[in-house]
C-alpha atoms as a PDB file:
ATOM      1  CA  MET A   1      36.741  75.528 138.916  1.00  0.00           C
ATOM      2  CA  LYS A   2      40.090  73.317 139.692  1.00  0.00           C
ATOM      3  CA  THR A   3      38.677  70.579 138.287  1.00  0.00           C
ATOM      4  CA  LEU A   4      37.878  72.112 134.902  1.00  0.00           C
ATOM      5  CA  MET A   5      41.225  73.724 134.739  1.00  0.00           C
ATOM      6  CA  LYS A   6      42.822  70.121 135.328  1.00  0.00           C
ATOM      7  CA  SER A   7      40.502  68.799 132.406  1.00  0.00           C
ATOM      8  CA  ALA A   8      41.230  71.418 130.217  1.00  0.00           C
ATOM      9  CA  ALA A   9      45.158  70.802 130.736  1.00  0.00           C
ATOM     10  CA  LEU A  10      44.648  67.314 130.376  1.00  0.00           C
ATOM     11  CA  VAL A  11      42.872  67.438 127.213  1.00  0.00           C
ATOM     12  CA  SER A  12      45.693  70.282 125.631  1.00  0.00           C
ATOM     13  CA  ALA A  13      48.310  67.674 126.785  1.00  0.00           C
ATOM     14  CA  ILE A  14      46.620  64.790 125.116  1.00  0.00           C
ATOM     15  CA  ALA A  15      46.056  66.876 121.724  1.00  0.00           C
ATOM     16  CA  LEU A  16      49.851  68.016 121.968  1.00  0.00           C
ATOM     17  CA  THR A  17      51.120  64.306 122.553  1.00  0.00           C
ATOM     18  CA  SER A  18      48.623  63.142 119.867  1.00  0.00           C
ATOM     19  CA  THR A  19      50.070  65.906 117.039  1.00  0.00           C
ATOM     20  CA  ALA A  20      53.877  64.824 117.904  1.00  0.00           C
ATOM     21  CA  ALA A  21      53.049  61.485 117.336  1.00  0.00           C
ATOM     22  CA  VAL A  22      51.460  62.010 113.788  1.00  0.00           C
ATOM     23  CA  ALA A  23      54.119  64.744 112.605  1.00  0.00           C
ATOM     24  CA  ASN A  24      56.289  61.536 111.524  1.00  0.00           C
ATOM     25  CA  SER A  25      54.368  59.365 109.917  1.00  0.00           C
ATOM     26  CA  PHE A  26      53.218  57.000 107.457  1.00  0.00           C
ATOM     27  CA  ALA A  27      49.363  56.981 106.260  1.00  0.00           C
ATOM     28  CA  LEU A  28      47.659  53.339 106.179  1.00  0.00           C
ATOM     29  CA  GLN A  29      49.282  51.766 102.898  1.00  0.00           C
ATOM     30  CA  ASP A  30      47.999  49.246 100.286  1.00  0.00           C
ATOM     31  CA  ASN A  31      51.121  49.260  98.459  1.00  0.00           C
ATOM     32  CA  VAL A  32      51.783  48.108  94.988  1.00  0.00           C
ATOM     33  CA  MET A  33      54.842  47.013  93.679  1.00  0.00           C
ATOM     34  CA  ASP A  34      54.593  47.613  89.817  1.00  0.00           C
ATOM     35  CA  ASP A  35      57.949  47.840  87.242  1.00  0.00           C
ATOM     36  CA  MET A  36      60.088  47.509  90.517  1.00  0.00           C
ATOM     37  CA  THR A  37      58.393  50.710  92.327  1.00  0.00           C
ATOM     38  CA  VAL A  38      56.639  50.983  95.558  1.00  0.00           C
ATOM     39  CA  THR A  39      54.124  53.866  96.025  1.00  0.00           C
ATOM     40  CA  ILE A  40      53.445  55.127  99.392  1.00  0.00           C
ATOM     41  CA  ASP A  41      50.297  57.483  99.506  1.00  0.00           C
ATOM     42  CA  LEU A  42      51.139  59.624 102.448  1.00  0.00           C
ATOM     43  CA  VAL A  43      54.376  60.491 104.508  1.00  0.00           C
ATOM     44  CA  THR A  44      54.391  62.984 106.716  1.00  0.00           C
ATOM     45  CA  SER A  45      57.793  64.438 108.295  1.00  0.00           C
ATOM     46  CA  ASP A  46      58.864  67.058 110.578  1.00  0.00           C
ATOM     47  CA  THR A  47      61.924  68.089 108.471  1.00  0.00           C
ATOM     48  CA  ASP A  48      63.186  67.550 105.126  1.00  0.00           C
ATOM     49  CA  GLY A  49      64.546  63.824 105.101  1.00  0.00           C
ATOM     50  CA  TYR A  50      64.471  60.369 103.007  1.00  0.00           C
ATOM     51  CA  VAL A  51      62.445  57.425 103.191  1.00  0.00           C
ATOM     52  CA  VAL A  52      64.237  54.060 102.487  1.00  0.00           C
ATOM     53  CA  ILE A  53      62.753  50.723 101.582  1.00  0.00           C
ATOM     54  CA  TYR A  54      64.616  47.987 103.287  1.00  0.00           C
ATOM     55  CA  ASP A  55      64.516  44.272 103.007  1.00  0.00           C
ATOM     56  CA  TYR A  56      62.674  43.229 105.867  1.00  0.00           C
ATOM     57  CA  THR A  57      62.249  39.400 105.165  1.00  0.00           C
ATOM     58  CA  GLY A  58      61.883  37.759 108.359  1.00  0.00           C
ATOM     59  CA  GLY A  59      61.168  40.429 110.458  1.00  0.00           C
ATOM     60  CA  GLU A  60      64.687  41.981 110.264  1.00  0.00           C
ATOM     61  CA  PHE A  61      66.328  45.015 108.389  1.00  0.00           C
ATOM     62  CA  GLY A  62      68.464  44.119 105.473  1.00  0.00           C
ATOM     63  CA  ASP A  63      69.978  45.845 102.564  1.00  0.00           C
ATOM     64  CA  ALA A  64      68.522  49.080 101.402  1.00  0.00           C
ATOM     65  CA  LEU A  65      66.531  48.673  98.156  1.00  0.00           C
ATOM     66  CA  GLY A  66      65.744  52.112  97.187  1.00  0.00           C
ATOM     67  CA  MET A  67      65.365  55.741  98.683  1.00  0.00           C
ATOM     68  CA  HIS A  68      63.453  59.074  97.821  1.00  0.00           C
ATOM     69  CA  GLU A  69      63.746  62.595  99.181  1.00  0.00           C
ATOM     70  CA  VAL A  70      60.860  63.995 101.263  1.00  0.00           C
ATOM     71  CA  ASN A  71      60.217  67.535 102.343  1.00  0.00           C
ATOM     72  CA  ALA A  72      59.195  68.829 105.666  1.00  0.00           C
ATOM     73  CA  GLY A  73      55.173  68.525 106.065  1.00  0.00           C
ATOM     74  CA  ALA A  74      52.661  66.006 104.147  1.00  0.00           C
ATOM     75  CA  ASN A  75      54.365  64.252 100.919  1.00  0.00           C
ATOM     76  CA  ASP A  76      51.821  62.708  98.762  1.00  0.00           C
ATOM     77  CA  ASP A  77      52.391  59.521  96.552  1.00  0.00           C
ATOM     78  CA  VAL A  78      55.749  59.004  97.178  1.00  0.00           C
ATOM     79  CA  ILE A  79      57.244  56.929  94.607  1.00  0.00           C
ATOM     80  CA  ILE A  80      60.254  54.539  95.322  1.00  0.00           C
ATOM     81  CA  THR A  81      62.155  52.613  92.677  1.00  0.00           C
ATOM     82  CA  LEU A  82      63.778  49.614  94.030  1.00  0.00           C
ATOM     83  CA  ASP A  83      67.474  48.461  93.043  1.00  0.00           C
ATOM     84  CA  ASN A  84      67.824  44.744  92.618  1.00  0.00           C
ATOM     85  CA  ASN A  85      65.012  43.669  94.301  1.00  0.00           C
ATOM     86  CA  ILE A  86      65.031  39.844  95.570  1.00  0.00           C
ATOM     87  CA  ALA A  87      63.400  40.566  98.776  1.00  0.00           C
ATOM     88  CA  GLN A  88      59.962  39.098 100.079  1.00  0.00           C
ATOM     89  CA  GLU A  89      58.975  41.514 102.829  1.00  0.00           C
ATOM     90  CA  PHE A  90      59.660  44.892 102.955  1.00  0.00           C
ATOM     91  CA  ALA A  91      59.934  48.197 105.307  1.00  0.00           C
ATOM     92  CA  ALA A  92      59.636  52.160 104.953  1.00  0.00           C
ATOM     93  CA  VAL A  93      61.571  53.946 106.968  1.00  0.00           C
ATOM     94  CA  LEU A  94      61.667  57.718 107.508  1.00  0.00           C
ATOM     95  CA  TYR A  95      64.496  59.458 108.367  1.00  0.00           C
ATOM     96  CA  ASN A  96      64.587  63.334 109.585  1.00  0.00           C
ATOM     97  CA  GLY A  97      67.862  64.801 107.591  1.00  0.00           C
ATOM     98  CA  GLU A  98      70.522  62.069 106.824  1.00  0.00           C
ATOM     99  CA  VAL A  99      70.064  58.441 106.287  1.00  0.00           C
ATOM    100  CA  THR A 100      71.684  56.578 109.068  1.00  0.00           C
ATOM    101  CA  MET A 101      70.493  53.108 110.279  1.00  0.00           C
ATOM    102  CA  PRO A 102      66.768  51.827 111.126  1.00  0.00           C
ATOM    103  CA  SER A 103      66.985  52.161 114.554  1.00  0.00           C
ATOM    104  CA  LYS A 104      68.117  55.758 114.527  1.00  0.00           C
ATOM    105  CA  SER A 105      65.011  56.569 112.199  1.00  0.00           C
ATOM    106  CA  ALA A 106      61.791  59.002 112.863  1.00  0.00           C
ATOM    107  CA  ALA A 107      59.228  56.413 111.811  1.00  0.00           C
ATOM    108  CA  TRP A 108      59.184  53.068 109.910  1.00  0.00           C
ATOM    109  CA  ILE A 109      56.278  50.905 108.838  1.00  0.00           C
ATOM    110  CA  GLU A 110      56.212  47.046 107.576  1.00  0.00           C
ATOM    111  CA  LEU A 111      54.927  47.282 103.960  1.00  0.00           C
ATOM    112  CA  ASP A 112      51.894  45.259 102.463  1.00  0.00           C
ATOM    113  CA  ILE A 113      53.284  44.463  99.302  1.00  0.00           C
ATOM    114  CA  ASN A 114      50.953  43.108  96.072  1.00  0.00           C
ATOM    115  CA  GLU A 115      52.918  42.075  93.187  1.00  0.00           C
ATOM    116  CA  ASP A 116      51.352  43.368  89.842  1.00  0.00           C
ATOM    117  CA  SER A 117      52.801  42.165  86.375  1.00  0.00           C
END
């Protein structure tokens, strides 16, 4: 009986941890940049906030290139218009609440950008 209770407690703890880890996240992406926009298929956020696209050339966060407000919960097809884009690599950063700096973000992902003409 004790073993069953310990196992049930462990499964519950793992489930809670897994749920929390998915709360602020980006779905797997195949992003397409077309006419200076990036579409992110799914962004999930604990709170209202913002997704900011940064220049991530060389593996370091550079200038913010564009941003879009997101609501708490699941946000489908988040379209972000880029300003003056000269970057070669990109990262999407999710902020819960106000935009600060990438190191204080809720989640981030390096984007796989395909340029369409």
